[in-house]
Amino acid sequence: MIRNGWTLLGRSIRNFSSTRPALSFIGGSPVRLAEGVEVSMEKIPPEFCRSFVKGKQKFMLDQNIVVRGPKGKLKTLVPSFVKIDQKDDLITVLVDNPDDKIQRSMWGTLRAILHNNVIGTSEGHLAIVKFVGVGYRALLEEENGTQVIGLKVGYPYTPKYKVPSDLKASLPSPARLLIEGIDKQQVKLFAARIREFKKPEPYKGKGLYVDDETIRLKQKKIK
């Protein structure tokens, strides 16, 4: 879940650590920093920390992994058992106990989020919404400084979607809508929200497609 540019995952953070627990295949794979990108840990004051319970264990979210780059900054709330280790331009995510099922299950996810945030703050993320169908197209307007997307998809009315302030929409062609931003999850979720209005139908293939999405067409049954 994303709130105000923060990715909420768990609750806690620590400073850089030189200790290196055993690494999992995915979670322990280093992330290479792009040029101009910095990663740091931020402690959260105790009065602002939250906690979550999983199984019989309680975890504190008391730290952020902060990624800063040319395109912006992203923060990810993480549990107290998470650390990061930096050597030159390589960042490795560590957990206190790799044998713990809960810590191990979150390890790979945290590594994936860090990787996506490094790309997002250096290059940005992109989702492409394609309009397939006769007359299907997107409209892009601006209302009070906010981008608004309109959908022409065969209905007598035009549904509209306000583009979140930290995303950007563009129309290289009427049937091709681009959504850009630094937070991959937010970019993909907004594209999915637009697609939800007119999902591809299985007989003629008309509808909205995201990125490389394809469907298998069905044949109508002849009575």
C-alpha atoms as a PDB file:
ATOM      1  CA  MET A   1       0.000   0.000   0.000  1.00  0.00           C
ATOM      2  CA  ILE A   2       1.241   3.501  -0.799  1.00  0.00           C
ATOM      3  CA  ARG A   3       0.541   6.669   1.140  1.00  0.00           C
ATOM      4  CA  ASN A   4       2.053  10.032   0.305  1.00  0.00           C
ATOM      5  CA  GLY A   5       4.937   8.467  -1.622  1.00  0.00           C
ATOM      6  CA  TRP A   6       5.715   5.952   1.168  1.00  0.00           C
ATOM      7  CA  THR A   7       5.552   2.216   0.652  1.00  0.00           C
ATOM      8  CA  LEU A   8       4.044   0.573   3.729  1.00  0.00           C
ATOM      9  CA  LEU A   9       5.395  -2.902   4.270  1.00  0.00           C
ATOM     10  CA  GLY A  10       6.019  -3.474   7.914  1.00  0.00           C
ATOM     11  CA  ARG A  11       7.411  -1.322  10.720  1.00  0.00           C
ATOM     12  CA  SER A  12      11.041  -0.609  11.525  1.00  0.00           C
ATOM     13  CA  ILE A  13      14.525   0.395  10.344  1.00  0.00           C
ATOM     14  CA  ARG A  14      18.182   0.316  11.306  1.00  0.00           C
ATOM     15  CA  ASN A  15      21.452   1.888  10.243  1.00  0.00           C
ATOM     16  CA  PHE A  16      24.009   0.359   7.883  1.00  0.00           C
ATOM     17  CA  SER A  17      25.416  -2.863   9.275  1.00  0.00           C
ATOM     18  CA  SER A  18      28.699  -4.587   8.540  1.00  0.00           C
ATOM     19  CA  THR A  19      27.385  -7.955   9.739  1.00  0.00           C
ATOM     20  CA  ARG A  20      26.214 -10.291   7.012  1.00  0.00           C
ATOM     21  CA  PRO A  21      23.784 -13.121   7.854  1.00  0.00           C
ATOM     22  CA  ALA A  22      23.437 -16.016   5.440  1.00  0.00           C
ATOM     23  CA  LEU A  23      21.861 -14.799   2.222  1.00  0.00           C
ATOM     24  CA  SER A  24      18.818 -16.207   0.454  1.00  0.00           C
ATOM     25  CA  PHE A  25      18.970 -16.705  -3.303  1.00  0.00           C
ATOM     26  CA  ILE A  26      16.752 -13.706  -4.104  1.00  0.00           C
ATOM     27  CA  GLY A  27      16.738 -11.533  -0.998  1.00  0.00           C
ATOM     28  CA  GLY A  28      20.511 -11.600  -0.656  1.00  0.00           C
ATOM     29  CA  SER A  29      21.256 -10.636  -4.269  1.00  0.00           C
ATOM     30  CA  PRO A  30      22.928  -7.188  -4.318  1.00  0.00           C
ATOM     31  CA  VAL A  31      21.198  -4.251  -5.991  1.00  0.00           C
ATOM     32  CA  ARG A  32      23.452  -2.063  -8.110  1.00  0.00           C
ATOM     33  CA  LEU A  33      22.958   1.658  -7.607  1.00  0.00           C
ATOM     34  CA  ALA A  34      22.425   3.799 -10.686  1.00  0.00           C
ATOM     35  CA  GLU A  35      24.428   6.983 -11.110  1.00  0.00           C
ATOM     36  CA  GLY A  36      23.221   9.723  -8.784  1.00  0.00           C
ATOM     37  CA  VAL A  37      21.218   7.377  -6.538  1.00  0.00           C
ATOM     38  CA  GLU A  38      21.814   7.144  -2.782  1.00  0.00           C
ATOM     39  CA  VAL A  39      20.324   4.724  -0.258  1.00  0.00           C
ATOM     40  CA  SER A  40      20.172   5.301   3.492  1.00  0.00           C
ATOM     41  CA  MET A  41      18.308   4.196   6.604  1.00  0.00           C
ATOM     42  CA  GLU A  42      16.163   6.536   8.709  1.00  0.00           C
ATOM     43  CA  LYS A  43      15.104   5.795  12.278  1.00  0.00           C
ATOM     44  CA  ILE A  44      11.531   6.685  13.187  1.00  0.00           C
ATOM     45  CA  PRO A  45      10.904   8.239  16.629  1.00  0.00           C
ATOM     46  CA  PRO A  46       9.272   5.701  18.996  1.00  0.00           C
ATOM     47  CA  GLU A  47       6.111   7.793  19.368  1.00  0.00           C
ATOM     48  CA  PHE A  48       5.474   7.489  15.602  1.00  0.00           C
ATOM     49  CA  CYS A  49       6.291   3.789  15.244  1.00  0.00           C
ATOM     50  CA  ARG A  50       3.651   1.228  14.469  1.00  0.00           C
ATOM     51  CA  SER A  51       3.611  -2.528  14.831  1.00  0.00           C
ATOM     52  CA  PHE A  52       2.057  -5.542  13.167  1.00  0.00           C
ATOM     53  CA  VAL A  53       1.458  -9.103  14.278  1.00  0.00           C
ATOM     54  CA  LYS A  54       2.126 -12.102  12.088  1.00  0.00           C
ATOM     55  CA  GLY A  55       1.579 -15.520  13.544  1.00  0.00           C
ATOM     56  CA  LYS A  56       2.652 -15.314  17.174  1.00  0.00           C
ATOM     57  CA  GLN A  57       5.271 -12.645  16.546  1.00  0.00           C
ATOM     58  CA  LYS A  58       4.985  -8.890  16.889  1.00  0.00           C
ATOM     59  CA  PHE A  59       7.174  -6.645  14.717  1.00  0.00           C
ATOM     60  CA  MET A  60       7.938  -2.955  14.975  1.00  0.00           C
ATOM     61  CA  LEU A  61       8.131  -0.646  11.976  1.00  0.00           C
ATOM     62  CA  ASP A  62      10.679   1.838  13.235  1.00  0.00           C
ATOM     63  CA  GLN A  63      12.810   2.629  10.201  1.00  0.00           C
ATOM     64  CA  ASN A  64      12.696   3.649   6.548  1.00  0.00           C
ATOM     65  CA  ILE A  65      14.840   2.627   3.623  1.00  0.00           C
ATOM     66  CA  VAL A  66      15.255   5.942   1.789  1.00  0.00           C
ATOM     67  CA  VAL A  67      16.217   6.032  -1.893  1.00  0.00           C
ATOM     68  CA  ARG A  68      17.147   9.391  -3.413  1.00  0.00           C
ATOM     69  CA  GLY A  69      17.848   9.934  -7.090  1.00  0.00           C
ATOM     70  CA  PRO A  70      17.661  12.472  -9.925  1.00  0.00           C
ATOM     71  CA  LYS A  71      13.890  11.963 -10.300  1.00  0.00           C
ATOM     72  CA  GLY A  72      12.898  12.089  -6.640  1.00  0.00           C
ATOM     73  CA  LYS A  73      12.812  10.267  -3.311  1.00  0.00           C
ATOM     74  CA  LEU A  74      11.011   7.142  -2.104  1.00  0.00           C
ATOM     75  CA  LYS A  75      10.660   5.790   1.428  1.00  0.00           C
ATOM     76  CA  THR A  76       9.836   2.226   2.424  1.00  0.00           C
ATOM     77  CA  LEU A  77       8.760   1.379   5.973  1.00  0.00           C
ATOM     78  CA  VAL A  78      10.457  -1.831   7.106  1.00  0.00           C
ATOM     79  CA  PRO A  79      10.596  -3.983  10.256  1.00  0.00           C
ATOM     80  CA  SER A  80      13.385  -3.697  12.811  1.00  0.00           C
ATOM     81  CA  PHE A  81      14.931  -7.000  11.716  1.00  0.00           C
ATOM     82  CA  VAL A  82      15.948  -5.481   8.363  1.00  0.00           C
ATOM     83  CA  LYS A  83      19.384  -4.005   7.667  1.00  0.00           C
ATOM     84  CA  ILE A  84      21.194  -2.897   4.533  1.00  0.00           C
ATOM     85  CA  ASP A  85      24.880  -3.230   3.725  1.00  0.00           C
ATOM     86  CA  GLN A  86      26.615  -1.052   1.124  1.00  0.00           C
ATOM     87  CA  LYS A  87      29.894  -1.792  -0.620  1.00  0.00           C
ATOM     88  CA  ASP A  88      30.757   0.696  -3.344  1.00  0.00           C
ATOM     89  CA  ASP A  89      27.731   0.816  -5.665  1.00  0.00           C
ATOM     90  CA  LEU A  90      26.172  -2.432  -4.411  1.00  0.00           C
ATOM     91  CA  ILE A  91      23.436  -2.531  -1.762  1.00  0.00           C
ATOM     92  CA  THR A  92      22.452  -5.781  -0.051  1.00  0.00           C
ATOM     93  CA  VAL A  93      19.328  -6.276   2.058  1.00  0.00           C
ATOM     94  CA  LEU A  94      19.914  -8.316   5.229  1.00  0.00           C
ATOM     95  CA  VAL A  95      17.629  -9.810   7.869  1.00  0.00           C
ATOM     96  CA  ASP A  96      18.520 -10.783  11.437  1.00  0.00           C
ATOM     97  CA  ASN A  97      17.410 -14.405  11.139  1.00  0.00           C
ATOM     98  CA  PRO A  98      17.230 -15.865   7.615  1.00  0.00           C
ATOM     99  CA  ASP A  99      15.901 -19.143   9.054  1.00  0.00           C
ATOM    100  CA  ASP A 100      12.790 -17.430  10.422  1.00  0.00           C
ATOM    101  CA  LYS A 101       9.917 -18.048   7.985  1.00  0.00           C
ATOM    102  CA  ILE A 102       8.434 -14.575   8.348  1.00  0.00           C
ATOM    103  CA  GLN A 103      11.731 -12.757   7.920  1.00  0.00           C
ATOM    104  CA  ARG A 104      12.679 -14.966   4.991  1.00  0.00           C
ATOM    105  CA  SER A 105       9.298 -14.450   3.297  1.00  0.00           C
ATOM    106  CA  MET A 106       9.715 -10.658   3.434  1.00  0.00           C
ATOM    107  CA  TRP A 107      13.378 -10.703   2.389  1.00  0.00           C
ATOM    108  CA  GLY A 108      12.873 -11.162  -1.335  1.00  0.00           C
ATOM    109  CA  THR A 109       9.981  -8.680  -1.375  1.00  0.00           C
ATOM    110  CA  LEU A 110      12.107  -5.992   0.273  1.00  0.00           C
ATOM    111  CA  ARG A 111      14.928  -6.607  -2.170  1.00  0.00           C
ATOM    112  CA  ALA A 112      12.493  -6.283  -5.110  1.00  0.00           C
ATOM    113  CA  ILE A 113      11.092  -3.008  -3.726  1.00  0.00           C
ATOM    114  CA  LEU A 114      14.606  -1.602  -3.267  1.00  0.00           C
ATOM    115  CA  HIS A 115      15.517  -2.590  -6.837  1.00  0.00           C
ATOM    116  CA  ASN A 116      12.352  -0.971  -8.222  1.00  0.00           C
ATOM    117  CA  ASN A 117      12.943   2.205  -6.205  1.00  0.00           C
ATOM    118  CA  VAL A 118      16.515   2.525  -7.492  1.00  0.00           C
ATOM    119  CA  ILE A 119      15.220   2.285 -11.071  1.00  0.00           C
ATOM    120  CA  GLY A 120      12.304   4.600 -10.330  1.00  0.00           C
ATOM    121  CA  THR A 121      14.384   7.397  -8.813  1.00  0.00           C
ATOM    122  CA  SER A 122      16.956   7.209 -11.614  1.00  0.00           C
ATOM    123  CA  GLU A 123      14.963   6.375 -14.763  1.00  0.00           C
ATOM    124  CA  GLY A 124      11.303   6.242 -13.737  1.00  0.00           C
ATOM    125  CA  HIS A 125       8.673   3.567 -14.405  1.00  0.00           C
ATOM    126  CA  LEU A 126       6.222   3.367 -17.282  1.00  0.00           C
ATOM    127  CA  ALA A 127       2.891   1.683 -17.982  1.00  0.00           C
ATOM    128  CA  ILE A 128       1.311   1.661 -21.441  1.00  0.00           C
ATOM    129  CA  VAL A 129      -2.470   1.422 -21.796  1.00  0.00           C
ATOM    130  CA  LYS A 130      -3.525   0.395 -25.312  1.00  0.00           C
ATOM    131  CA  PHE A 131      -7.036   1.021 -26.640  1.00  0.00           C
ATOM    132  CA  VAL A 132      -8.266  -1.745 -28.963  1.00  0.00           C
ATOM    133  CA  GLY A 133     -11.605  -1.253 -30.702  1.00  0.00           C
ATOM    134  CA  VAL A 134     -13.179   0.953 -33.372  1.00  0.00           C
ATOM    135  CA  GLY A 135     -13.260   4.506 -32.066  1.00  0.00           C
ATOM    136  CA  TYR A 136     -11.624   3.552 -28.769  1.00  0.00           C
ATOM    137  CA  ARG A 137      -9.307   6.314 -27.596  1.00  0.00           C
ATOM    138  CA  ALA A 138      -8.156   8.375 -24.640  1.00  0.00           C
ATOM    139  CA  LEU A 139      -8.565  12.085 -24.004  1.00  0.00           C
ATOM    140  CA  LEU A 140      -6.181  14.124 -21.875  1.00  0.00           C
ATOM    141  CA  GLU A 141      -7.275  17.393 -20.305  1.00  0.00           C
ATOM    142  CA  GLU A 142      -6.252  19.625 -17.431  1.00  0.00           C
ATOM    143  CA  GLU A 143      -8.598  20.813 -14.699  1.00  0.00           C
ATOM    144  CA  ASN A 144      -7.322  23.228 -12.051  1.00  0.00           C
ATOM    145  CA  GLY A 145      -3.740  22.149 -12.661  1.00  0.00           C
ATOM    146  CA  THR A 146      -4.544  18.420 -12.513  1.00  0.00           C
ATOM    147  CA  GLN A 147      -4.350  16.057 -15.486  1.00  0.00           C
ATOM    148  CA  VAL A 148      -7.625  14.279 -16.246  1.00  0.00           C
ATOM    149  CA  ILE A 149      -7.931  11.219 -18.484  1.00  0.00           C
ATOM    150  CA  GLY A 150     -11.167  10.610 -20.393  1.00  0.00           C
ATOM    151  CA  LEU A 151     -12.068   7.244 -21.930  1.00  0.00           C
ATOM    152  CA  LYS A 152     -13.926   6.824 -25.216  1.00  0.00           C
ATOM    153  CA  VAL A 153     -14.701   3.115 -25.176  1.00  0.00           C
ATOM    154  CA  GLY A 154     -18.143   2.661 -26.715  1.00  0.00           C
ATOM    155  CA  TYR A 155     -20.345   4.170 -24.014  1.00  0.00           C
ATOM    156  CA  PRO A 156     -22.651   7.211 -24.359  1.00  0.00           C
ATOM    157  CA  TYR A 157     -20.689   8.939 -21.592  1.00  0.00           C
ATOM    158  CA  THR A 158     -16.998   9.598 -20.953  1.00  0.00           C
ATOM    159  CA  PRO A 159     -15.615   8.318 -17.637  1.00  0.00           C
ATOM    160  CA  LYS A 160     -12.812  10.481 -16.277  1.00  0.00           C
ATOM    161  CA  TYR A 161      -9.853   9.728 -14.035  1.00  0.00           C
ATOM    162  CA  LYS A 162      -7.759  12.303 -12.215  1.00  0.00           C
ATOM    163  CA  VAL A 163      -4.045  11.570 -12.508  1.00  0.00           C
ATOM    164  CA  PRO A 164      -2.318  11.493  -9.083  1.00  0.00           C
ATOM    165  CA  SER A 165       0.023  14.435  -8.546  1.00  0.00           C
ATOM    166  CA  ASP A 166       3.150  12.265  -8.533  1.00  0.00           C
ATOM    167  CA  LEU A 167       2.265  10.579 -11.842  1.00  0.00           C
ATOM    168  CA  LYS A 168       2.309  11.967 -15.367  1.00  0.00           C
ATOM    169  CA  ALA A 169       0.127  10.973 -18.321  1.00  0.00           C
ATOM    170  CA  SER A 170       0.792  11.542 -22.022  1.00  0.00           C
ATOM    171  CA  LEU A 171      -0.777  10.567 -25.353  1.00  0.00           C
ATOM    172  CA  PRO A 172       1.707   9.776 -28.136  1.00  0.00           C
ATOM    173  CA  SER A 173      -1.404   8.673 -30.081  1.00  0.00           C
ATOM    174  CA  PRO A 174      -5.142   8.621 -29.225  1.00  0.00           C
ATOM    175  CA  ALA A 175      -5.070   4.845 -28.739  1.00  0.00           C
ATOM    176  CA  ARG A 176      -1.901   4.759 -26.654  1.00  0.00           C
ATOM    177  CA  LEU A 177      -1.815   6.215 -23.132  1.00  0.00           C
ATOM    178  CA  LEU A 178       1.435   6.443 -21.173  1.00  0.00           C
ATOM    179  CA  ILE A 179       1.549   6.588 -17.365  1.00  0.00           C
ATOM    180  CA  GLU A 180       4.898   7.567 -15.817  1.00  0.00           C
ATOM    181  CA  GLY A 181       6.177   7.923 -12.258  1.00  0.00           C
ATOM    182  CA  ILE A 182       8.968   6.960  -9.872  1.00  0.00           C
ATOM    183  CA  ASP A 183       6.934   4.473  -7.812  1.00  0.00           C
ATOM    184  CA  LYS A 184       6.405   1.295  -9.840  1.00  0.00           C
ATOM    185  CA  GLN A 185       3.529   0.029  -7.726  1.00  0.00           C
ATOM    186  CA  GLN A 186       1.620   3.280  -8.019  1.00  0.00           C
ATOM    187  CA  VAL A 187       2.190   3.451 -11.798  1.00  0.00           C
ATOM    188  CA  LYS A 188       0.940  -0.097 -12.369  1.00  0.00           C
ATOM    189  CA  LEU A 189      -2.010   0.252  -9.986  1.00  0.00           C
ATOM    190  CA  PHE A 190      -3.256   3.392 -11.722  1.00  0.00           C
ATOM    191  CA  ALA A 191      -2.941   1.727 -15.142  1.00  0.00           C
ATOM    192  CA  ALA A 192      -4.840  -1.297 -13.793  1.00  0.00           C
ATOM    193  CA  ARG A 193      -7.559   0.980 -12.433  1.00  0.00           C
ATOM    194  CA  ILE A 194      -8.085   2.475 -15.899  1.00  0.00           C
ATOM    195  CA  ARG A 195      -8.079  -0.975 -17.518  1.00  0.00           C
ATOM    196  CA  GLU A 196     -10.728  -2.136 -15.044  1.00  0.00           C
ATOM    197  CA  PHE A 197     -13.315   0.094 -16.726  1.00  0.00           C
ATOM    198  CA  LYS A 198     -13.091  -1.790 -20.034  1.00  0.00           C
ATOM    199  CA  LYS A 199     -11.359  -5.121 -19.670  1.00  0.00           C
ATOM    200  CA  PRO A 200     -10.504  -6.965 -22.904  1.00  0.00           C
ATOM    201  CA  GLU A 201     -13.491  -9.052 -23.983  1.00  0.00           C
ATOM    202  CA  PRO A 202     -12.729 -12.615 -25.093  1.00  0.00           C
ATOM    203  CA  TYR A 203     -14.578 -12.783 -28.432  1.00  0.00           C
ATOM    204  CA  LYS A 204     -13.488  -9.751 -30.458  1.00  0.00           C
ATOM    205  CA  GLY A 205     -10.609  -8.672 -28.249  1.00  0.00           C
ATOM    206  CA  LYS A 206     -11.921  -5.145 -27.752  1.00  0.00           C
ATOM    207  CA  GLY A 207     -10.897  -3.347 -24.590  1.00  0.00           C
ATOM    208  CA  LEU A 208      -7.969  -1.826 -22.729  1.00  0.00           C
ATOM    209  CA  TYR A 209      -4.636  -3.628 -22.507  1.00  0.00           C
ATOM    210  CA  VAL A 210      -1.736  -2.801 -20.187  1.00  0.00           C
ATOM    211  CA  ASP A 211       1.862  -3.190 -21.379  1.00  0.00           C
ATOM    212  CA  ASP A 212       2.396  -6.547 -23.141  1.00  0.00           C
ATOM    213  CA  GLU A 213      -0.930  -8.047 -22.095  1.00  0.00           C
ATOM    214  CA  THR A 214      -2.555 -10.479 -24.524  1.00  0.00           C
ATOM    215  CA  ILE A 215      -5.668 -12.645 -24.345  1.00  0.00           C
ATOM    216  CA  ARG A 216      -6.760 -15.841 -26.051  1.00  0.00           C
ATOM    217  CA  LEU A 217      -9.866 -15.234 -28.142  1.00  0.00           C
ATOM    218  CA  LYS A 218     -12.833 -17.568 -27.806  1.00  0.00           C
ATOM    219  CA  GLN A 219     -15.063 -18.787 -30.592  1.00  0.00           C
ATOM    220  CA  LYS A 220     -18.774 -18.149 -30.285  1.00  0.00           C
ATOM    221  CA  LYS A 221     -20.826 -21.288 -29.988  1.00  0.00           C
ATOM    222  CA  ILE A 222     -23.150 -21.803 -32.944  1.00  0.00           C
ATOM    223  CA  LYS A 223     -26.455 -23.361 -31.979  1.00  0.00           C
END
